[in-house]
Amino acid sequence: MYFKNGIDFVKNLNGAFNLVICDKGKDLIHLATDRFGLRPLNYIVTGSGSYVAVRAQDVLAMSNRKNELNQQTLYNL
């Protein structure tokens, strides 16, 4: 659906979802969650890569930055 309709295809999705689309042809990464935000996405971009997960703790664990969770910043996202 993405390659046919572009990112606007998410407007037709129903239910709770998260998705990550890596479009290498356009050098883009799309992150999307349902319109109610039932399953929020957390991400971090580091010099060694980008990490995405539902739980902030998991993102930090994957990036080896466990001790850098800033609760104030997290709540402001």
Protein backbone atom coordinates (compact mmCIF):
# COMPACT_ATOMS: atom_id res chain seq x y z
CA MET A 1 0.00 0.00 0.00
CA TYR A 2 2.84 2.41 0.80
CA PHE A 3 4.53 2.16 -2.59
CA LYS A 4 1.20 2.65 -4.36
CA ASN A 5 -0.28 5.49 -2.23
CA GLY A 6 2.63 6.96 -0.31
CA ILE A 7 2.54 7.63 3.42
CA ASP A 8 -1.05 8.88 3.22
CA PHE A 9 -2.17 5.23 3.23
CA VAL A 10 -2.09 5.36 7.05
CA LYS A 11 -5.19 7.56 6.97
CA ASN A 12 -7.15 4.46 5.93
CA LEU A 13 -5.86 2.21 8.73
CA ASN A 14 -8.10 1.35 11.66
CA GLY A 15 -7.28 -0.07 15.06
CA ALA A 16 -4.23 0.11 17.27
CA PHE A 17 -0.93 -0.09 15.41
CA ASN A 18 2.65 1.03 15.14
CA LEU A 19 4.64 0.87 11.95
CA VAL A 20 8.08 1.71 10.70
CA ILE A 21 8.74 2.05 6.98
CA CYS A 22 12.29 2.34 5.71
CA ASP A 23 12.17 3.70 2.16
CA LYS A 24 15.72 3.32 0.92
CA GLY A 25 14.84 4.72 -2.51
CA LYS A 26 13.84 8.07 -0.98
CA ASP A 27 16.27 7.79 1.95
CA LEU A 28 13.37 8.19 4.43
CA ILE A 29 12.15 6.44 7.53
CA HIS A 30 8.49 6.85 8.46
CA LEU A 31 7.22 6.16 11.98
CA ALA A 32 3.47 6.04 12.56
CA THR A 33 1.13 5.14 15.36
CA ASP A 34 -2.65 4.95 15.55
CA ARG A 35 -4.61 8.18 15.83
CA PHE A 36 -5.35 7.62 19.53
CA GLY A 37 -1.73 6.96 20.45
CA LEU A 38 -2.60 3.69 22.16
CA ARG A 39 0.86 2.33 21.47
CA PRO A 40 3.32 5.23 21.57
CA LEU A 41 6.66 4.95 19.79
CA ASN A 42 9.95 6.00 21.32
CA TYR A 43 13.09 6.52 19.32
CA ILE A 44 16.67 7.63 19.67
CA VAL A 45 19.19 8.58 17.00
CA THR A 46 22.83 8.06 17.89
CA GLY A 47 26.09 8.06 16.01
CA SER A 48 25.85 4.27 15.73
CA GLY A 49 22.26 4.09 14.46
CA SER A 50 18.59 4.71 15.10
CA TYR A 51 16.49 2.67 17.50
CA VAL A 52 12.70 2.40 17.81
CA ALA A 53 10.59 0.60 20.42
CA VAL A 54 7.33 0.92 22.30
CA ARG A 55 9.04 1.24 25.68
CA ALA A 56 11.62 3.99 26.23
CA GLN A 57 13.69 1.66 28.40
CA ASP A 58 14.03 -0.77 25.49
CA VAL A 59 15.25 1.95 23.13
CA LEU A 60 17.91 2.98 25.60
CA ALA A 61 18.94 -0.63 26.26
CA MET A 62 19.36 -1.29 22.52
CA SER A 63 21.50 1.80 22.13
CA ASN A 64 23.66 1.05 25.20
CA ARG A 65 22.49 4.32 26.79
CA LYS A 66 20.50 2.88 29.71
CA ASN A 67 21.51 5.56 32.15
CA GLU A 68 20.51 8.50 29.97
CA LEU A 69 16.72 8.39 30.37
CA ASN A 70 15.54 11.95 30.98
CA GLN A 71 11.97 11.71 32.34
CA GLN A 72 11.23 15.42 31.73
CA THR A 73 12.18 15.17 28.06
CA LEU A 74 10.28 11.90 27.71
CA TYR A 75 7.06 13.50 28.94
CA ASN A 76 7.48 16.48 26.62
CA LEU A 77 7.58 14.36 23.45
